[in-house]
Amino acid sequence: MEGGSMSTDPRTVEEVFKDFKGRRAGMLKALTSDVEEFFLQCDPEKENLCLYGFPDEGWEVNLPSEEVPPELPEPALGINFARDGMLRKDWLSLVAVHSDAWLLAVSYFYGARLDKNERKRLFNMINELPTVFDVVTGKKPAKEKTSVNNSGGNKSKSTGSKTSSHHDNSKANSHRAADSQAKPSKPPPAPPKDEEETLEEDDEEHGDTFCGSCGGNYTADEFWIGCDSCEKWFHGKCVKITPARAEHIKHYKCPSCSNKRART
């Protein structure tokens, strides 16, 4: 998705953090000030789309890179499919969480070259900023003021809360210990036989079904999803689709069918 040779990649803690802040700012624009434009670009009728943030504080909604392996870790795939299947604020929050995960992945992709202490310093610098999720959901502002060190005043308060917490925890632990002695734990019951028989019958019925990605046989205890274009079936884990995410997909297209349409 981005040009430039590996020689221009950020190398120091400060360079990696600057790259992180730029990408974060771009994604925040997409999910806050530019949210109407972002919403329109995430058309569920289009192919598997991703949200990218760039070091220059820009953002882009686009198809994933066809380069294998990709130059950078890829962001969440198919964010557009769930757009109309859930409340807008919930959808934006979901995209925000995936954006935070991608930002950390990119930073630690570059941070792999750093030593242990440098990586720790990098994480601490990143952790001082509110997450994209925090900002989008209104938990914290985009930028926080540096707090004045009031360690002396805070110590007495924190000490009191710790003492109270320790006292309460001691009571809770004693109650739990008494309960555990009075009521010995039992192992969970085994699944009913009729449920096991149902799984076996399901396996037999779909025994000739194979995953279009890994070629594995159908098993009833795994999540599968069918492509509405080629009508092939896939393990959810093979195409990175969870049962929760599948509930919001109206017409699923496997990666192969999506790429075919994108090229045409």
Protein backbone atom coordinates (compact mmCIF):
# COMPACT_ATOMS: atom_id res chain seq x y z
CA MET A 1 0.00 0.00 0.00
CA GLU A 2 2.90 2.38 0.62
CA GLY A 3 5.90 3.21 -1.45
CA GLY A 4 9.48 3.60 -0.30
CA SER A 5 12.32 1.20 0.26
CA MET A 6 13.10 -0.60 3.48
CA SER A 7 16.06 1.75 4.00
CA THR A 8 13.61 4.60 4.75
CA ASP A 9 11.76 2.60 7.40
CA PRO A 10 11.84 4.04 10.94
CA ARG A 11 14.76 2.63 12.91
CA THR A 12 14.94 4.41 16.26
CA VAL A 13 12.36 4.56 19.05
CA GLU A 14 11.59 8.18 18.20
CA GLU A 15 11.16 7.42 14.49
CA VAL A 16 8.86 4.47 15.15
CA PHE A 17 6.80 6.55 17.59
CA LYS A 18 6.52 9.38 15.06
CA ASP A 19 5.30 6.86 12.47
CA PHE A 20 2.75 5.54 15.00
CA LYS A 21 1.45 9.02 15.83
CA GLY A 22 1.05 9.90 12.14
CA ARG A 23 -0.90 6.74 11.33
CA ARG A 24 -2.99 7.13 14.50
CA ALA A 25 -3.87 10.73 13.60
CA GLY A 26 -4.98 9.62 10.13
CA MET A 27 -7.25 6.89 11.50
CA LEU A 28 -8.70 9.29 14.07
CA LYS A 29 -9.59 11.70 11.26
CA ALA A 30 -11.39 8.92 9.39
CA LEU A 31 -13.40 7.94 12.47
CA THR A 32 -14.16 11.44 13.79
CA SER A 33 -13.85 14.61 11.67
CA ASP A 34 -14.03 12.74 8.32
CA VAL A 35 -16.51 10.12 9.55
CA GLU A 36 -19.22 10.92 6.95
CA GLU A 37 -16.80 10.44 4.07
CA PHE A 38 -15.39 7.30 5.71
CA PHE A 39 -18.91 5.90 6.20
CA LEU A 40 -19.77 6.40 2.52
CA GLN A 41 -16.54 4.80 1.31
CA CYS A 42 -17.24 1.64 3.34
CA ASP A 43 -19.99 0.44 1.01
CA PRO A 44 -21.07 -3.11 1.98
CA GLU A 45 -21.64 -3.89 -1.72
CA LYS A 46 -17.92 -3.45 -2.43
CA GLU A 47 -15.20 -6.03 -1.87
CA ASN A 48 -13.22 -6.68 1.36
CA LEU A 49 -12.09 -3.18 2.36
CA CYS A 50 -9.52 -2.06 4.94
CA LEU A 51 -8.81 1.24 6.72
CA TYR A 52 -5.20 2.39 6.38
CA GLY A 53 -3.50 5.20 8.28
CA PHE A 54 -0.37 6.84 6.88
CA PRO A 55 2.64 8.49 8.56
CA ASP A 56 1.65 11.86 7.04
CA GLU A 57 -1.65 11.74 9.02
CA GLY A 58 -3.66 10.73 5.96
CA TRP A 59 -6.09 7.80 5.69
CA GLU A 60 -7.47 5.58 2.98
CA VAL A 61 -10.14 2.91 2.53
CA ASN A 62 -8.90 0.35 0.02
CA LEU A 63 -8.53 -3.31 -0.88
CA PRO A 64 -5.75 -5.23 0.91
CA SER A 65 -2.36 -5.49 -0.72
CA GLU A 66 -1.91 -8.35 -3.20
CA GLU A 67 1.77 -8.58 -2.27
CA VAL A 68 2.63 -11.84 -0.49
CA PRO A 69 3.93 -11.51 2.13
CA PRO A 70 2.75 -7.92 2.57
CA GLU A 71 5.28 -5.15 3.18
CA LEU A 72 3.53 -4.33 6.48
CA PRO A 73 1.01 -6.17 8.67
CA GLU A 74 -2.46 -5.84 7.13
CA PRO A 75 -5.36 -4.11 8.95
CA ALA A 76 -8.73 -5.81 9.57
CA LEU A 77 -10.27 -7.11 6.34
CA GLY A 78 -13.89 -6.49 5.31
CA ILE A 79 -14.80 -3.66 7.70
CA ASN A 80 -17.46 -2.54 5.20
CA PHE A 81 -19.52 -5.75 5.44
CA ALA A 82 -20.74 -5.04 8.98
CA ARG A 83 -21.53 -1.36 8.38
CA ASP A 84 -25.29 -1.69 7.93
CA GLY A 85 -25.75 -4.71 10.15
CA MET A 86 -25.19 -2.96 13.48
CA LEU A 87 -25.63 0.42 15.13
CA ARG A 88 -23.35 3.06 13.64
CA LYS A 89 -21.61 3.87 16.94
CA ASP A 90 -21.01 0.15 17.57
CA TRP A 91 -19.59 -0.32 14.08
CA LEU A 92 -17.25 2.66 14.49
CA SER A 93 -16.16 1.31 17.88
CA LEU A 94 -15.40 -2.08 16.30
CA VAL A 95 -13.33 -0.44 13.54
CA ALA A 96 -11.55 1.62 16.21
CA VAL A 97 -10.52 -1.49 18.17
CA HIS A 98 -9.15 -3.13 15.02
CA SER A 99 -7.35 0.13 14.18
CA ASP A 100 -5.61 0.10 17.57
CA ALA A 101 -4.53 -3.51 17.00
CA TRP A 102 -3.12 -2.66 13.57
CA LEU A 103 -1.25 0.42 14.83
CA LEU A 104 0.47 -1.68 17.49
CA ALA A 105 1.24 -4.41 14.96
CA VAL A 106 2.94 -1.94 12.61
CA SER A 107 4.90 -0.33 15.45
CA TYR A 108 6.16 -3.66 16.72
CA PHE A 109 6.90 -4.79 13.17
CA TYR A 110 9.41 -1.93 13.10
CA GLY A 111 10.21 -2.36 16.80
CA ALA A 112 11.44 -5.92 16.25
CA ARG A 113 14.81 -4.39 15.39
CA LEU A 114 14.99 -2.59 18.74
CA ASP A 115 16.42 -4.09 21.91
CA LYS A 116 14.40 -5.00 25.00
CA ASN A 117 14.75 -1.64 26.77
CA GLU A 118 13.98 0.32 23.60
CA ARG A 119 10.82 -1.72 22.95
CA LYS A 120 9.71 -1.10 26.54
CA ARG A 121 10.28 2.64 26.11
CA LEU A 122 8.38 2.59 22.82
CA PHE A 123 5.39 0.88 24.43
CA ASN A 124 5.40 3.35 27.32
CA MET A 125 5.39 6.27 24.86
CA ILE A 126 2.50 4.72 22.92
CA ASN A 127 0.62 3.92 26.12
CA GLU A 128 0.66 7.58 27.17
CA LEU A 129 -1.68 8.36 24.27
CA PRO A 130 -5.40 7.49 24.39
CA THR A 131 -6.30 4.60 22.10
CA VAL A 132 -8.35 5.20 18.96
CA PHE A 133 -11.16 3.33 20.71
CA ASP A 134 -10.93 5.69 23.71
CA VAL A 135 -11.29 8.74 21.47
CA VAL A 136 -14.05 7.35 19.22
CA THR A 137 -16.17 6.21 22.17
CA GLY A 138 -15.59 9.46 24.06
CA LYS A 139 -13.66 7.93 26.95
CA LYS A 140 -10.69 10.26 26.52
CA PRO A 141 -9.79 13.28 24.35
CA ALA A 142 -7.45 12.83 21.40
CA LYS A 143 -4.63 14.50 23.36
CA GLU A 144 -4.12 14.41 27.10
CA LYS A 145 -2.50 17.17 29.16
CA THR A 146 0.65 16.13 30.94
CA SER A 147 -0.30 15.71 34.59
CA VAL A 148 1.68 17.46 37.35
CA ASN A 149 3.50 15.05 39.64
CA ASN A 150 1.59 15.09 42.94
CA SER A 151 3.11 11.93 44.28
CA GLY A 152 3.10 13.21 47.87
CA GLY A 153 -0.61 14.04 47.95
CA ASN A 154 -1.63 10.91 46.11
CA LYS A 155 0.34 8.53 48.29
CA SER A 156 -1.82 9.00 51.36
CA LYS A 157 -5.02 8.47 49.34
CA SER A 158 -3.73 5.42 47.54
CA THR A 159 -2.44 3.94 50.80
CA GLY A 160 -5.84 4.28 52.39
CA SER A 161 -7.59 2.66 49.41
CA LYS A 162 -5.06 -0.16 49.37
CA THR A 163 -5.63 -0.86 53.07
CA SER A 164 -9.38 -0.89 52.61
CA SER A 165 -9.08 -3.05 49.52
CA HIS A 166 -6.80 -5.48 51.33
CA HIS A 167 -9.26 -5.70 54.23
CA ASP A 168 -12.19 -6.31 51.89
CA ASN A 169 -10.20 -8.86 49.88
CA SER A 170 -9.31 -10.74 53.07
CA LYS A 171 -13.00 -10.99 53.94
CA ALA A 172 -13.89 -12.10 50.44
CA ASN A 173 -11.12 -14.70 50.42
CA SER A 174 -12.26 -16.12 53.77
CA HIS A 175 -15.84 -16.39 52.51
CA ARG A 176 -14.68 -18.09 49.32
CA ALA A 177 -12.55 -20.52 51.31
CA ALA A 178 -15.54 -21.37 53.54
CA ASP A 179 -17.77 -21.85 50.49
CA SER A 180 -15.24 -24.09 48.80
CA GLN A 181 -15.10 -26.32 51.89
CA ALA A 182 -18.86 -26.45 52.28
CA LYS A 183 -19.57 -27.04 48.57
CA PRO A 184 -16.96 -29.17 46.83
CA SER A 185 -16.71 -28.40 43.12
CA LYS A 186 -18.05 -30.93 40.63
CA PRO A 187 -16.78 -31.56 37.12
CA PRO A 188 -19.05 -30.28 34.33
CA PRO A 189 -21.53 -32.89 33.10
CA ALA A 190 -20.72 -34.76 29.91
CA PRO A 191 -22.68 -33.72 26.82
CA PRO A 192 -25.90 -35.69 26.33
CA LYS A 193 -25.67 -38.69 24.06
CA ASP A 194 -28.27 -37.40 21.64
CA GLU A 195 -26.09 -34.29 21.01
CA GLU A 196 -23.07 -36.47 20.22
CA GLU A 197 -25.21 -38.57 17.88
CA THR A 198 -26.42 -35.40 16.13
CA LEU A 199 -22.81 -34.29 15.52
CA GLU A 200 -21.93 -37.69 14.10
CA GLU A 201 -24.94 -37.65 11.78
CA ASP A 202 -24.02 -34.13 10.63
CA ASP A 203 -20.46 -35.28 9.88
CA GLU A 204 -21.77 -38.20 7.82
CA GLU A 205 -24.20 -36.01 5.89
CA HIS A 206 -21.49 -33.52 4.88
CA GLY A 207 -18.63 -35.98 4.74
CA ASP A 208 -17.85 -35.09 1.10
CA THR A 209 -17.54 -31.35 1.87
CA PHE A 210 -14.00 -29.96 1.88
CA CYS A 211 -12.61 -26.56 2.83
CA GLY A 212 -11.86 -24.49 -0.28
CA SER A 213 -8.76 -23.11 1.43
CA CYS A 214 -7.01 -25.90 3.34
CA GLY A 215 -8.81 -28.92 1.84
CA GLY A 216 -9.82 -30.27 5.26
CA ASN A 217 -12.91 -32.44 5.74
CA TYR A 218 -16.14 -31.02 7.15
CA THR A 219 -16.63 -31.46 10.90
CA ALA A 220 -19.74 -30.28 12.75
CA ASP A 221 -17.78 -28.94 15.71
CA GLU A 222 -16.08 -26.23 13.62
CA PHE A 223 -17.52 -23.01 12.15
CA TRP A 224 -17.89 -23.01 8.35
CA ILE A 225 -19.02 -20.31 5.90
CA GLY A 226 -20.12 -20.69 2.27
CA CYS A 227 -19.20 -18.35 -0.59
CA ASP A 228 -22.29 -16.94 -2.35
CA SER A 229 -20.35 -16.63 -5.62
CA CYS A 230 -18.46 -19.91 -6.13
CA GLU A 231 -20.58 -21.86 -3.57
CA LYS A 232 -17.49 -23.37 -1.99
CA TRP A 233 -17.30 -23.88 1.78
CA PHE A 234 -14.49 -22.69 4.05
CA HIS A 235 -13.37 -23.05 7.65
CA GLY A 236 -14.09 -19.72 9.31
CA LYS A 237 -10.52 -19.70 10.67
CA CYS A 238 -9.09 -20.19 7.16
CA VAL A 239 -10.78 -17.03 5.80
CA LYS A 240 -10.62 -15.12 9.10
CA ILE A 241 -14.39 -14.96 9.61
CA THR A 242 -15.84 -15.51 13.10
CA PRO A 243 -19.44 -16.57 13.82
CA ALA A 244 -20.14 -13.13 15.32
CA ARG A 245 -18.84 -11.37 12.23
CA ALA A 246 -20.71 -13.73 9.90
CA GLU A 247 -24.02 -12.60 11.42
CA HIS A 248 -23.50 -9.16 9.85
CA ILE A 249 -22.49 -10.39 6.38
CA LYS A 250 -25.40 -10.42 3.91
CA HIS A 251 -23.54 -11.90 0.92
CA TYR A 252 -20.17 -13.49 1.61
CA LYS A 253 -17.50 -13.71 -1.09
CA CYS A 254 -14.37 -15.72 -0.46
CA PRO A 255 -10.95 -14.06 -0.95
CA SER A 256 -10.53 -15.72 -4.37
CA CYS A 257 -13.85 -14.40 -5.73
CA SER A 258 -13.18 -10.97 -4.22
CA ASN A 259 -9.80 -10.74 -5.92
CA LYS A 260 -11.27 -11.84 -9.27
CA ARG A 261 -13.83 -9.06 -9.20
CA ALA A 262 -11.27 -6.51 -8.07
CA ARG A 263 -8.99 -7.32 -11.03
CA THR A 264 -11.84 -7.02 -13.54
